PDB file of N, CA and C in Angstrom:
ATOM      1  N   UNK A   1      59.226  18.656  31.777  1.00  0.00           N
ATOM      2  CA  UNK A   1      58.648  17.946  32.690  1.00  0.00           C
ATOM      3  C   UNK A   1      58.129  16.415  32.319  1.00  0.00           C
ATOM      4  N   UNK A   2      58.658  15.473  32.561  1.00  0.00           N
ATOM      5  CA  UNK A   2      58.692  14.249  32.186  1.00  0.00           C
ATOM      6  C   UNK A   2      57.153  13.386  32.114  1.00  0.00           C
ATOM      7  N   UNK A   3      56.737  13.220  30.954  1.00  0.00           N
ATOM      8  CA  UNK A   3      55.443  12.540  31.387  1.00  0.00           C
ATOM      9  C   UNK A   3      55.484  10.933  31.424  1.00  0.00           C
ATOM     10  N   UNK A   4      54.308  11.042  32.527  1.00  0.00           N
ATOM     11  CA  UNK A   4      54.333   9.315  33.269  1.00  0.00           C
ATOM     12  C   UNK A   4      53.588   8.345  32.361  1.00  0.00           C
ATOM     13  N   UNK A   5      54.063   7.256  32.257  1.00  0.00           N
ATOM     14  CA  UNK A   5      53.386   6.235  31.180  1.00  0.00           C
ATOM     15  C   UNK A   5      52.274   5.794  31.982  1.00  0.00           C
ATOM     16  N   UNK A   6      51.300   5.613  30.898  1.00  0.00           N
ATOM     17  CA  UNK A   6      49.929   5.091  32.020  1.00  0.00           C
ATOM     18  C   UNK A   6      49.988   3.641  32.055  1.00  0.00           C
ATOM     19  N   UNK A   7      49.695   3.447  33.285  1.00  0.00           N
ATOM     20  CA  UNK A   7      49.842   1.567  33.524  1.00  0.00           C
ATOM     21  C   UNK A   7      48.590   1.494  33.627  1.00  0.00           C
ATOM     22  N   UNK A   8      48.500   0.014  33.310  1.00  0.00           N
ATOM     23  CA  UNK A   8      46.722  -0.399  33.607  1.00  0.00           C
ATOM     24  C   UNK A   8      46.200  -0.521  34.877  1.00  0.00           C
ATOM     25  N   UNK A   9      45.107  -0.438  35.099  1.00  0.00           N
ATOM     26  CA  UNK A   9      44.810  -0.777  36.747  1.00  0.00           C
ATOM     27  C   UNK A   9      44.845  -2.019  36.602  1.00  0.00           C
ATOM     28  N   UNK A  10      44.683  -2.577  38.025  1.00  0.00           N
ATOM     29  CA  UNK A  10      44.518  -3.914  38.447  1.00  0.00           C
ATOM     30  C   UNK A  10      43.641  -4.658  37.588  1.00  0.00           C
ATOM     31  N   UNK A  11      42.424  -4.170  37.301  1.00  0.00           N
ATOM     32  CA  UNK A  11      41.454  -4.685  36.912  1.00  0.00           C
ATOM     33  C   UNK A  11      41.266  -4.687  35.342  1.00  0.00           C
ATOM     34  N   UNK A  12      42.221  -3.898  34.760  1.00  0.00           N
ATOM     35  CA  UNK A  12      42.203  -3.511  33.254  1.00  0.00           C
ATOM     36  C   UNK A  12      43.466  -4.380  32.603  1.00  0.00           C
ATOM     37  N   UNK A  13      42.945  -5.259  31.441  1.00  0.00           N
ATOM     38  CA  UNK A  13      43.953  -5.862  30.834  1.00  0.00           C
ATOM     39  C   UNK A  13      44.735  -5.180  30.050  1.00  0.00           C
ATOM     40  N   UNK A  14      45.943  -5.761  30.281  1.00  0.00           N
ATOM     41  CA  UNK A  14      47.219  -4.640  29.522  1.00  0.00           C
ATOM     42  C   UNK A  14      47.064  -4.771  27.857  1.00  0.00           C
ATOM     43  N   UNK A  15      47.815  -4.391  27.084  1.00  0.00           N
ATOM     44  CA  UNK A  15      47.631  -4.449  26.019  1.00  0.00           C
ATOM     45  C   UNK A  15      47.779  -5.867  24.982  1.00  0.00           C
ATOM     46  N   UNK A  16      46.920  -5.888  24.112  1.00  0.00           N
ATOM     47  CA  UNK A  16      47.246  -7.352  23.577  1.00  0.00           C
ATOM     48  C   UNK A  16      48.315  -7.479  22.898  1.00  0.00           C
ATOM     49  N   UNK A  17      48.891  -8.507  22.852  1.00  0.00           N
ATOM     50  CA  UNK A  17      50.139  -9.095  22.150  1.00  0.00           C
ATOM     51  C   UNK A  17      49.861  -9.080  20.791  1.00  0.00           C
ATOM     52  N   UNK A  18      50.473  -8.555  19.887  1.00  0.00           N
ATOM     53  CA  UNK A  18      50.582  -8.230  18.336  1.00  0.00           C
ATOM     54  C   UNK A  18      50.960  -9.842  17.995  1.00  0.00           C
ATOM     55  N   UNK A  19      50.061 -10.213  17.000  1.00  0.00           N
ATOM     56  CA  UNK A  19      50.434 -11.636  16.419  1.00  0.00           C
ATOM     57  C   UNK A  19      50.708 -11.522  14.923  1.00  0.00           C
ATOM     58  N   UNK A  20      51.456 -12.246  14.484  1.00  0.00           N
ATOM     59  CA  UNK A  20      51.899 -12.250  13.138  1.00  0.00           C
ATOM     60  C   UNK A  20      50.519 -13.120  12.383  1.00  0.00           C
ATOM     61  N   UNK A  21      50.171 -12.876  11.317  1.00  0.00           N
ATOM     62  CA  UNK A  21      49.256 -13.491  10.507  1.00  0.00           C
ATOM     63  C   UNK A  21      49.704 -15.190  10.726  1.00  0.00           C
ATOM     64  N   UNK A  22      50.755 -15.270  10.647  1.00  0.00           N
ATOM     65  CA  UNK A  22      50.986 -16.852  10.702  1.00  0.00           C
ATOM     66  C   UNK A  22      50.624 -17.624  11.788  1.00  0.00           C
ATOM     67  N   UNK A  23      51.039 -16.695  13.089  1.00  0.00           N
ATOM     68  CA  UNK A  23      50.406 -17.228  14.291  1.00  0.00           C
ATOM     69  C   UNK A  23      49.208 -17.531  14.660  1.00  0.00           C
ATOM     70  N   UNK A  24      48.294 -16.787  13.723  1.00  0.00           N
ATOM     71  CA  UNK A  24      46.979 -17.164  14.388  1.00  0.00           C
ATOM     72  C   UNK A  24      46.383 -18.117  13.458  1.00  0.00           C
ATOM     73  N   UNK A  25      45.604 -19.145  14.247  1.00  0.00           N
ATOM     74  CA  UNK A  25      44.929 -20.107  13.476  1.00  0.00           C
ATOM     75  C   UNK A  25      43.705 -19.997  13.904  1.00  0.00           C
ATOM     76  N   UNK A  26      42.857 -20.251  12.592  1.00  0.00           N
ATOM     77  CA  UNK A  26      41.642 -20.114  13.168  1.00  0.00           C
ATOM     78  C   UNK A  26      41.083 -21.926  12.907  1.00  0.00           C
ATOM     79  N   UNK A  27      39.854 -21.814  13.661  1.00  0.00           N
ATOM     80  CA  UNK A  27      39.086 -23.236  13.582  1.00  0.00           C
ATOM     81  C   UNK A  27      38.238 -23.400  11.969  1.00  0.00           C
ATOM     82  N   UNK A  28      38.713 -24.767  11.606  1.00  0.00           N
ATOM     83  CA  UNK A  28      37.936 -25.197  10.328  1.00  0.00           C
ATOM     84  C   UNK A  28      36.913 -24.601  10.280  1.00  0.00           C
ATOM     85  N   UNK A  29      36.282 -24.215   9.038  1.00  0.00           N
ATOM     86  CA  UNK A  29      35.139 -23.846   8.645  1.00  0.00           C
ATOM     87  C   UNK A  29      34.845 -22.440   9.194  1.00  0.00           C
ATOM     88  N   UNK A  30      35.917 -21.450   9.863  1.00  0.00           N
ATOM     89  CA  UNK A  30      35.425 -20.452  10.756  1.00  0.00           C
ATOM     90  C   UNK A  30      35.289 -19.527   9.537  1.00  0.00           C
ATOM     91  N   UNK A  31      35.982 -19.398   8.455  1.00  0.00           N
ATOM     92  CA  UNK A  31      35.598 -18.256   7.606  1.00  0.00           C
ATOM     93  C   UNK A  31      34.388 -18.065   6.684  1.00  0.00           C
ATOM     94  N   UNK A  32      34.059 -19.349   6.166  1.00  0.00           N
ATOM     95  CA  UNK A  32      32.770 -19.560   5.809  1.00  0.00           C
ATOM     96  C   UNK A  32      31.460 -19.084   6.544  1.00  0.00           C
ATOM     97  N   UNK A  33      31.733 -19.621   7.989  1.00  0.00           N
ATOM     98  CA  UNK A  33      30.509 -19.272   9.045  1.00  0.00           C
ATOM     99  C   UNK A  33      30.362 -17.999   9.418  1.00  0.00           C
ATOM    100  N   UNK A  34      31.648 -17.168   9.562  1.00  0.00           N
ATOM    101  CA  UNK A  34      31.769 -15.678   9.848  1.00  0.00           C
ATOM    102  C   UNK A  34      31.154 -14.970   8.580  1.00  0.00           C
ATOM    103  N   UNK A  35      31.242 -15.644   7.255  1.00  0.00           N
ATOM    104  CA  UNK A  35      30.739 -14.895   5.851  1.00  0.00           C
ATOM    105  C   UNK A  35      28.954 -14.863   6.050  1.00  0.00           C
ATOM    106  N   UNK A  36      28.697 -16.141   6.542  1.00  0.00           N
ATOM    107  CA  UNK A  36      27.298 -16.536   6.607  1.00  0.00           C
ATOM    108  C   UNK A  36      26.794 -15.494   7.635  1.00  0.00           C
ATOM    109  N   UNK A  37      27.631 -15.581   8.849  1.00  0.00           N
ATOM    110  CA  UNK A  37      27.120 -14.749   9.836  1.00  0.00           C
ATOM    111  C   UNK A  37      26.669 -13.394   9.639  1.00  0.00           C
ATOM    112  N   UNK A  38      27.768 -12.696   8.905  1.00  0.00           N
ATOM    113  CA  UNK A  38      27.589 -11.221   8.498  1.00  0.00           C
ATOM    114  C   UNK A  38      26.536 -11.133   7.361  1.00  0.00           C
ATOM    115  N   UNK A  39      26.219 -12.150   6.752  1.00  0.00           N
ATOM    116  CA  UNK A  39      25.189 -12.314   5.875  1.00  0.00           C
ATOM    117  C   UNK A  39      23.861 -12.172   6.691  1.00  0.00           C
ATOM    118  N   UNK A  40      23.878 -13.048   7.368  1.00  0.00           N
ATOM    119  CA  UNK A  40      22.533 -13.027   8.176  1.00  0.00           C
ATOM    120  C   UNK A  40      22.233 -11.849   9.389  1.00  0.00           C
ATOM    121  N   UNK A  41      23.260 -10.953   9.726  1.00  0.00           N
ATOM    122  CA  UNK A  41      23.195  -9.827  10.403  1.00  0.00           C
ATOM    123  C   UNK A  41      22.452  -9.022   9.541  1.00  0.00           C
ATOM    124  N   UNK A  42      23.290  -8.706   8.314  1.00  0.00           N
ATOM    125  CA  UNK A  42      22.622  -7.616   7.271  1.00  0.00           C
ATOM    126  C   UNK A  42      21.315  -7.793   6.915  1.00  0.00           C
ATOM    127  N   UNK A  43      20.913  -9.101   6.693  1.00  0.00           N
ATOM    128  CA  UNK A  43      19.468  -9.554   6.263  1.00  0.00           C
ATOM    129  C   UNK A  43      18.700  -8.892   7.496  1.00  0.00           C
ATOM    130  N   UNK A  44      19.054  -9.385   8.674  1.00  0.00           N
ATOM    131  CA  UNK A  44      18.275  -8.795   9.572  1.00  0.00           C
ATOM    132  C   UNK A  44      17.795  -7.499  10.075  1.00  0.00           C
ATOM    133  N   UNK A  45      19.065  -6.821   9.664  1.00  0.00           N
ATOM    134  CA  UNK A  45      19.322  -5.495   9.673  1.00  0.00           C
ATOM    135  C   UNK A  45      18.326  -4.934   8.885  1.00  0.00           C
ATOM    136  N   UNK A  46      18.508  -5.605   7.273  1.00  0.00           N
ATOM    137  CA  UNK A  46      17.734  -4.965   6.513  1.00  0.00           C
ATOM    138  C   UNK A  46      15.995  -5.089   6.738  1.00  0.00           C
ATOM    139  N   UNK A  47      15.428  -6.184   7.299  1.00  0.00           N
ATOM    140  CA  UNK A  47      14.224  -6.712   7.645  1.00  0.00           C
ATOM    141  C   UNK A  47      13.705  -5.732   8.627  1.00  0.00           C
ATOM    142  N   UNK A  48      14.762  -5.451   9.444  1.00  0.00           N
ATOM    143  CA  UNK A  48      14.365  -4.498  10.501  1.00  0.00           C
ATOM    144  C   UNK A  48      14.049  -2.948  10.142  1.00  0.00           C
ATOM    145  N   UNK A  49      14.602  -2.497   9.121  1.00  0.00           N
ATOM    146  CA  UNK A  49      14.584  -1.267   8.444  1.00  0.00           C
ATOM    147  C   UNK A  49      13.578  -1.167   7.548  1.00  0.00           C
ATOM    148  N   UNK A  50      13.025  -2.128   7.136  1.00  0.00           N
ATOM    149  CA  UNK A  50      11.957  -2.300   6.160  1.00  0.00           C
ATOM    150  C   UNK A  50      10.631  -2.175   7.129  1.00  0.00           C
ATOM    151  N   UNK A  51      10.927  -2.853   8.281  1.00  0.00           N
ATOM    152  CA  UNK A  51       9.531  -2.878   9.013  1.00  0.00           C
ATOM    153  C   UNK A  51       9.351  -1.579   9.648  1.00  0.00           C
ATOM    154  N   UNK A  52      10.754  -0.822  10.177  1.00  0.00           N
ATOM    155  CA  UNK A  52      10.271   0.619  10.528  1.00  0.00           C
ATOM    156  C   UNK A  52       9.777   1.558   9.261  1.00  0.00           C
ATOM    157  N   UNK A  53      10.574   1.575   8.355  1.00  0.00           N
ATOM    158  CA  UNK A  53       9.701   2.431   7.290  1.00  0.00           C
ATOM    159  C   UNK A  53       8.529   1.870   6.666  1.00  0.00           C
ATOM    160  N   UNK A  54       7.962   0.663   6.924  1.00  0.00           N
ATOM    161  CA  UNK A  54       6.598   0.318   6.718  1.00  0.00           C
ATOM    162  C   UNK A  54       5.656   0.758   7.753  1.00  0.00           C
ATOM    163  N   UNK A  55       6.017   1.083   9.094  1.00  0.00           N
ATOM    164  CA  UNK A  55       5.059   1.470  10.242  1.00  0.00           C
ATOM    165  C   UNK A  55       5.334   3.079   9.910  1.00  0.00           C
ATOM    166  N   UNK A  56       6.555   3.730   9.303  1.00  0.00           N
ATOM    167  CA  UNK A  56       6.329   5.147   9.341  1.00  0.00           C
ATOM    168  C   UNK A  56       5.894   5.576   7.993  1.00  0.00           C
ATOM    169  N   UNK A  57       5.444   4.727   7.049  1.00  0.00           N
ATOM    170  CA  UNK A  57       4.803   5.068   5.984  1.00  0.00           C
ATOM    171  C   UNK A  57       3.323   5.278   6.325  1.00  0.00           C
ATOM    172  N   UNK A  58       2.898   3.818   7.240  1.00  0.00           N
ATOM    173  CA  UNK A  58       1.387   4.030   7.663  1.00  0.00           C
ATOM    174  C   UNK A  58       0.905   4.978   8.626  1.00  0.00           C
ATOM    175  N   UNK A  59       2.028   5.201   9.892  1.00  0.00           N
ATOM    176  CA  UNK A  59       1.640   6.631  10.751  1.00  0.00           C
ATOM    177  C   UNK A  59       1.366   7.599   9.764  1.00  0.00           C
ATOM    178  N   UNK A  60       2.249   7.938   8.473  1.00  0.00           N
ATOM    179  CA  UNK A  60       2.387   9.207   7.741  1.00  0.00           C
ATOM    180  C   UNK A  60       0.742   9.006   7.062  1.00  0.00           C
ATOM    181  N   UNK A  61       0.539   7.916   6.722  1.00  0.00           N
ATOM    182  CA  UNK A  61      -0.928   7.742   6.014  1.00  0.00           C
ATOM    183  C   UNK A  61      -1.949   8.258   7.164  1.00  0.00           C
ATOM    184  N   UNK A  62      -1.822   7.655   8.195  1.00  0.00           N
ATOM    185  CA  UNK A  62      -3.069   7.824   9.030  1.00  0.00           C
ATOM    186  C   UNK A  62      -2.929   9.333   9.484  1.00  0.00           C
ATOM    187  N   UNK A  63      -1.640  10.170   9.657  1.00  0.00           N
ATOM    188  CA  UNK A  63      -1.958  11.507  10.195  1.00  0.00           C
ATOM    189  C   UNK A  63      -2.638  12.154   8.919  1.00  0.00           C
ATOM    190  N   UNK A  64      -2.222  11.855   7.867  1.00  0.00           N
ATOM    191  CA  UNK A  64      -2.716  12.770   6.464  1.00  0.00           C
ATOM    192  C   UNK A  64      -4.298  12.294   6.406  1.00  0.00           C
ATOM    193  N   UNK A  65      -4.615  11.189   6.692  1.00  0.00           N
ATOM    194  CA  UNK A  65      -6.109  10.908   6.651  1.00  0.00           C
ATOM    195  C   UNK A  65      -6.718  11.674   7.567  1.00  0.00           C
ATOM    196  N   UNK A  66      -6.361  11.680   8.825  1.00  0.00           N
ATOM    197  CA  UNK A  66      -6.856  12.604  10.069  1.00  0.00           C
ATOM    198  C   UNK A  66      -6.945  14.037   9.718  1.00  0.00           C
ATOM    199  N   UNK A  67      -6.036  14.359   8.878  1.00  0.00           N
ATOM    200  CA  UNK A  67      -6.143  15.733   8.733  1.00  0.00           C
ATOM    201  C   UNK A  67      -7.153  16.179   7.819  1.00  0.00           C
ATOM    202  N   UNK A  68      -7.333  15.026   6.487  1.00  0.00           N
ATOM    203  CA  UNK A  68      -8.005  15.252   5.499  1.00  0.00           C
ATOM    204  C   UNK A  68      -9.498  15.185   6.130  1.00  0.00           C
ATOM    205  N   UNK A  69      -9.856  14.409   7.319  1.00  0.00           N
ATOM    206  CA  UNK A  69     -11.021  13.925   8.246  1.00  0.00           C
ATOM    207  C   UNK A  69     -11.706  15.517   8.822  1.00  0.00           C
ATOM    208  N   UNK A  70     -10.118  15.855   9.641  1.00  0.00           N
ATOM    209  CA  UNK A  70     -10.814  17.197  10.319  1.00  0.00           C
ATOM    210  C   UNK A  70     -10.816  18.324   9.138  1.00  0.00           C
ATOM    211  N   UNK A  71     -10.446  18.478   8.019  1.00  0.00           N
ATOM    212  CA  UNK A  71     -10.741  19.477   7.192  1.00  0.00           C
ATOM    213  C   UNK A  71     -11.813  19.373   6.654  1.00  0.00           C
ATOM    214  N   UNK A  72     -12.614  18.241   6.339  1.00  0.00           N
ATOM    215  CA  UNK A  72     -13.852  17.659   5.444  1.00  0.00           C
ATOM    216  C   UNK A  72     -14.990  18.252   6.768  1.00  0.00           C
ATOM    217  N   UNK A  73     -14.771  17.956   8.143  1.00  0.00           N
ATOM    218  CA  UNK A  73     -15.485  18.222   9.227  1.00  0.00           C
ATOM    219  C   UNK A  73     -15.641  19.703   9.431  1.00  0.00           C
ATOM    220  N   UNK A  74     -14.361  20.506   9.195  1.00  0.00           N
ATOM    221  CA  UNK A  74     -14.478  21.874   9.518  1.00  0.00           C
ATOM    222  C   UNK A  74     -15.072  22.464   8.652  1.00  0.00           C
ATOM    223  N   UNK A  75     -14.950  21.810   7.121  1.00  0.00           N
ATOM    224  CA  UNK A  75     -15.643  22.502   5.867  1.00  0.00           C
ATOM    225  C   UNK A  75     -17.337  22.386   6.104  1.00  0.00           C
ATOM    226  N   UNK A  76     -17.839  21.241   6.397  1.00  0.00           N
ATOM    227  CA  UNK A  76     -19.222  20.915   6.463  1.00  0.00           C
ATOM    228  C   UNK A  76     -19.750  21.888   7.878  1.00  0.00           C
ATOM    229  N   UNK A  77     -19.101  22.148   8.669  1.00  0.00           N
ATOM    230  CA  UNK A  77     -19.551  22.912   9.801  1.00  0.00           C
ATOM    231  C   UNK A  77     -19.373  24.342   9.622  1.00  0.00           C
ATOM    232  N   UNK A  78     -18.353  25.071   8.578  1.00  0.00           N
ATOM    233  CA  UNK A  78     -18.363  26.136   7.941  1.00  0.00           C
ATOM    234  C   UNK A  78     -19.689  26.311   7.144  1.00  0.00           C
ATOM    235  N   UNK A  79     -19.984  25.390   6.257  1.00  0.00           N
ATOM    236  CA  UNK A  79     -21.043  25.288   5.217  1.00  0.00           C
ATOM    237  C   UNK A  79     -22.310  25.456   6.132  1.00  0.00           C
ATOM    238  N   UNK A  80     -22.434  24.539   7.277  1.00  0.00           N
ATOM    239  CA  UNK A  80     -23.791  24.571   8.046  1.00  0.00           C
ATOM    240  C   UNK A  80     -24.014  26.102   8.481  1.00  0.00           C
ATOM    241  N   UNK A  81     -22.621  26.457   9.147  1.00  0.00           N
ATOM    242  CA  UNK A  81     -22.705  27.738   9.882  1.00  0.00           C
ATOM    243  C   UNK A  81     -23.447  28.515   8.869  1.00  0.00           C
ATOM    244  N   UNK A  82     -22.913  28.756   7.839  1.00  0.00           N
ATOM    245  CA  UNK A  82     -22.964  29.775   6.521  1.00  0.00           C
ATOM    246  C   UNK A  82     -24.649  29.691   6.262  1.00  0.00           C
ATOM    247  N   UNK A  83     -24.925  28.602   5.911  1.00  0.00           N
ATOM    248  CA  UNK A  83     -26.521  28.453   5.580  1.00  0.00           C
ATOM    249  C   UNK A  83     -27.562  28.842   6.758  1.00  0.00           C
ATOM    250  N   UNK A  84     -26.889  28.704   7.749  1.00  0.00           N
ATOM    251  CA  UNK A  84     -27.659  29.291   9.005  1.00  0.00           C
ATOM    252  C   UNK A  84     -27.950  30.742   8.796  1.00  0.00           C
ATOM    253  N   UNK A  85     -26.861  31.090   8.531  1.00  0.00           N
ATOM    254  CA  UNK A  85     -26.501  32.881   8.649  1.00  0.00           C
ATOM    255  C   UNK A  85     -26.667  33.245   7.144  1.00  0.00           C
ATOM    256  N   UNK A  86     -26.931  32.283   6.177  1.00  0.00           N
ATOM    257  CA  UNK A  86     -27.216  33.096   4.781  1.00  0.00           C
ATOM    258  C   UNK A  86     -27.979  33.982   4.690  1.00  0.00           C
ATOM    259  N   UNK A  87     -27.923  34.990   3.854  1.00  0.00           N
ATOM    260  CA  UNK A  87     -28.897  36.239   3.687  1.00  0.00           C
ATOM    261  C   UNK A  87     -29.801  35.851   2.579  1.00  0.00           C
ATOM    262  N   UNK A  88     -31.196  36.112   2.835  1.00  0.00           N
ATOM    263  CA  UNK A  88     -32.071  35.978   1.748  1.00  0.00           C
ATOM    264  C   UNK A  88     -32.058  36.170   0.362  1.00  0.00           C
ATOM    265  N   UNK A  89     -32.191  35.111  -0.328  1.00  0.00           N
ATOM    266  CA  UNK A  89     -31.806  35.212  -1.792  1.00  0.00           C
ATOM    267  C   UNK A  89     -32.683  36.837  -2.342  1.00  0.00           C
ATOM    268  N   UNK A  90     -32.009  37.470  -3.359  1.00  0.00           N
ATOM    269  CA  UNK A  90     -32.754  38.463  -4.110  1.00  0.00           C
ATOM    270  C   UNK A  90     -33.783  37.803  -4.968  1.00  0.00           C
ATOM    271  N   UNK A  91     -34.934  38.777  -4.676  1.00  0.00           N
ATOM    272  CA  UNK A  91     -36.217  38.127  -5.480  1.00  0.00           C
ATOM    273  C   UNK A  91     -36.157  38.289  -6.547  1.00  0.00           C
ATOM    274  N   UNK A  92     -36.800  37.540  -7.454  1.00  0.00           N
ATOM    275  CA  UNK A  92     -36.703  37.642  -8.714  1.00  0.00           C
ATOM    276  C   UNK A  92     -37.652  38.900  -9.176  1.00  0.00           C
ATOM    277  N   UNK A  93     -37.776  39.299 -10.355  1.00  0.00           N
ATOM    278  CA  UNK A  93     -38.385  40.699 -10.866  1.00  0.00           C
ATOM    279  C   UNK A  93     -39.639  40.408 -10.559  1.00  0.00           C
ATOM    280  N   UNK A  94     -40.324  39.425 -10.898  1.00  0.00           N
ATOM    281  CA  UNK A  94     -41.758  38.964 -10.682  1.00  0.00           C
ATOM    282  C   UNK A  94     -42.264  39.220  -9.330  1.00  0.00           C
ATOM    283  N   UNK A  95     -41.419  38.883  -8.390  1.00  0.00           N
ATOM    284  CA  UNK A  95     -41.742  38.574  -7.105  1.00  0.00           C
ATOM    285  C   UNK A  95     -41.468  40.129  -6.380  1.00  0.00           C
ATOM    286  N   UNK A  96     -40.660  40.718  -6.714  1.00  0.00           N
ATOM    287  CA  UNK A  96     -40.375  42.256  -6.336  1.00  0.00           C
ATOM    288  C   UNK A  96     -41.233  42.991  -6.954  1.00  0.00           C
ATOM    289  N   UNK A  97     -42.353  42.939  -8.137  1.00  0.00           N
ATOM    290  CA  UNK A  97     -43.244  43.782  -8.435  1.00  0.00           C
ATOM    291  C   UNK A  97     -44.323  43.874  -7.688  1.00  0.00           C
ATOM    292  N   UNK A  98     -44.376  42.741  -6.541  1.00  0.00           N
ATOM    293  CA  UNK A  98     -45.464  42.737  -5.871  1.00  0.00           C
ATOM    294  C   UNK A  98     -45.208  43.099  -4.291  1.00  0.00           C
ATOM    295  N   UNK A  99     -43.892  43.717  -4.402  1.00  0.00           N
ATOM    296  CA  UNK A  99     -43.817  44.286  -2.864  1.00  0.00           C
ATOM    297  C   UNK A  99     -44.753  45.684  -2.712  1.00  0.00           C
ATOM    298  N   UNK A 100     -45.042  45.931  -1.794  1.00  0.00           N
ATOM    299  CA  UNK A 100     -45.979  46.774  -1.363  1.00  0.00           C
ATOM    300  C   UNK A 100     -47.341  46.724  -1.786  1.00  0.00           C
ATOM    301  N   UNK A 101     -47.833  45.521  -1.795  1.00  0.00           N
ATOM    302  CA  UNK A 101     -49.065  45.119  -2.621  1.00  0.00           C
ATOM    303  C   UNK A 101     -49.437  45.520  -4.015  1.00  0.00           C
ATOM    304  N   UNK A 102     -48.346  45.924  -4.543  1.00  0.00           N
ATOM    305  CA  UNK A 102     -48.443  46.225  -6.180  1.00  0.00           C
ATOM    306  C   UNK A 102     -48.725  45.296  -6.640  1.00  0.00           C
ATOM    307  N   UNK A 103     -49.590  45.508  -7.725  1.00  0.00           N
ATOM    308  CA  UNK A 103     -49.683  44.312  -8.905  1.00  0.00           C
ATOM    309  C   UNK A 103     -48.430  44.612  -9.829  1.00  0.00           C
ATOM    310  N   UNK A 104     -48.272  43.419 -10.411  1.00  0.00           N
ATOM    311  CA  UNK A 104     -47.500  43.519 -11.291  1.00  0.00           C
ATOM    312  C   UNK A 104     -47.633  44.205 -12.893  1.00  0.00           C
ATOM    313  N   UNK A 105     -46.721  44.670 -13.306  1.00  0.00           N
ATOM    314  CA  UNK A 105     -47.069  45.643 -14.240  1.00  0.00           C
ATOM    315  C   UNK A 105     -46.859  44.959 -15.598  1.00  0.00           C
ATOM    316  N   UNK A 106     -47.809  45.049 -16.417  1.00  0.00           N
ATOM    317  CA  UNK A 106     -47.446  44.692 -17.636  1.00  0.00           C
ATOM    318  C   UNK A 106     -46.103  44.916 -18.568  1.00  0.00           C
ATOM    319  N   UNK A 107     -45.950  43.909 -19.464  1.00  0.00           N
ATOM    320  CA  UNK A 107     -44.625  44.403 -19.985  1.00  0.00           C
ATOM    321  C   UNK A 107     -43.337  43.719 -19.227  1.00  0.00           C
ATOM    322  N   UNK A 108     -42.489  43.970 -19.836  1.00  0.00           N
ATOM    323  CA  UNK A 108     -40.909  43.460 -19.169  1.00  0.00           C
ATOM    324  C   UNK A 108     -40.492  43.617 -17.974  1.00  0.00           C
ATOM    325  N   UNK A 109     -40.364  43.115 -17.005  1.00  0.00           N
ATOM    326  CA  UNK A 109     -40.065  43.072 -15.590  1.00  0.00           C
ATOM    327  C   UNK A 109     -38.853  44.126 -15.220  1.00  0.00           C
ATOM    328  N   UNK A 110     -39.047  45.196 -14.641  1.00  0.00           N
ATOM    329  CA  UNK A 110     -38.252  45.866 -13.765  1.00  0.00           C
ATOM    330  C   UNK A 110     -37.131  45.336 -13.217  1.00  0.00           C
ATOM    331  N   UNK A 111     -36.000  45.966 -12.793  1.00  0.00           N
ATOM    332  CA  UNK A 111     -34.939  45.684 -11.768  1.00  0.00           C
ATOM    333  C   UNK A 111     -35.587  46.142 -10.610  1.00  0.00           C
ATOM    334  N   UNK A 112     -35.668  45.119  -9.629  1.00  0.00           N
ATOM    335  CA  UNK A 112     -35.903  45.530  -8.349  1.00  0.00           C
ATOM    336  C   UNK A 112     -35.192  46.364  -7.523  1.00  0.00           C
ATOM    337  N   UNK A 113     -36.162  47.351  -7.032  1.00  0.00           N
ATOM    338  CA  UNK A 113     -35.364  48.266  -6.117  1.00  0.00           C
ATOM    339  C   UNK A 113     -34.882  47.577  -4.940  1.00  0.00           C
ATOM    340  N   UNK A 114     -33.317  47.642  -4.788  1.00  0.00           N
ATOM    341  CA  UNK A 114     -33.002  46.634  -3.808  1.00  0.00           C
ATOM    342  C   UNK A 114     -33.146  47.018  -2.335  1.00  0.00           C
ATOM    343  N   UNK A 115     -33.450  48.364  -1.817  1.00  0.00           N
ATOM    344  CA  UNK A 115     -34.035  48.693  -0.793  1.00  0.00           C
ATOM    345  C   UNK A 115     -35.283  47.985  -0.418  1.00  0.00           C
ATOM    346  N   UNK A 116     -36.276  47.953  -1.323  1.00  0.00           N
ATOM    347  CA  UNK A 116     -37.784  47.417  -1.141  1.00  0.00           C
ATOM    348  C   UNK A 116     -37.771  46.004  -0.985  1.00  0.00           C
ATOM    349  N   UNK A 117     -36.622  45.355  -1.862  1.00  0.00           N
ATOM    350  CA  UNK A 117     -36.513  43.919  -1.701  1.00  0.00           C
ATOM    351  C   UNK A 117     -35.885  43.372  -0.512  1.00  0.00           C
ATOM    352  N   UNK A 118     -34.885  44.227   0.224  1.00  0.00           N
ATOM    353  CA  UNK A 118     -34.172  43.720   1.521  1.00  0.00           C
ATOM    354  C   UNK A 118     -35.352  44.181   2.648  1.00  0.00           C
ATOM    355  N   UNK A 119     -36.161  45.335   2.424  1.00  0.00           N
ATOM    356  CA  UNK A 119     -37.229  45.396   3.537  1.00  0.00           C
ATOM    357  C   UNK A 119     -38.399  44.376   3.408  1.00  0.00           C
ATOM    358  N   UNK A 120     -38.616  44.128   2.448  1.00  0.00           N
ATOM    359  CA  UNK A 120     -39.546  42.782   2.311  1.00  0.00           C
ATOM    360  C   UNK A 120     -39.160  41.854   3.095  1.00  0.00           C
ATOM    361  N   UNK A 121     -37.952  41.443   2.944  1.00  0.00           N
ATOM    362  CA  UNK A 121     -37.444  40.243   3.703  1.00  0.00           C
ATOM    363  C   UNK A 121     -37.085  40.471   4.972  1.00  0.00           C
ATOM    364  N   UNK A 122     -36.880  41.489   5.451  1.00  0.00           N
ATOM    365  CA  UNK A 122     -36.657  41.879   6.780  1.00  0.00           C
ATOM    366  C   UNK A 122     -38.081  41.993   7.727  1.00  0.00           C
ATOM    367  N   UNK A 123     -38.842  42.267   7.037  1.00  0.00           N
ATOM    368  CA  UNK A 123     -40.353  42.444   8.004  1.00  0.00           C
ATOM    369  C   UNK A 123     -40.716  40.877   8.278  1.00  0.00           C
TER     370      UNK A 123
END
């Protein structure tokens, strides 16, 4: 089967005629102007890239700062909750000797009876 050559539609331009380099004439000063234009575009792209990177770094910093604040608040709340629920401290040997209205004994203090100490603080 023969392939049909595609014809441009009425509103589409046809193929551009190929021109030899000698046939192309550029306006005076076009080369330096084009070079400057390319440099200006590249500089604008670079400034835009730097601005975007700056904003992303600031966003990352704010996110990190928020995370640290939340962690600090959570740690404070946890410490506060633990301090409200903290068990009574173990009594010193001198205090535990007085449990049950016993007078402290003379001589070195003995290790307190754990059940007696806990019982004292629970009543």
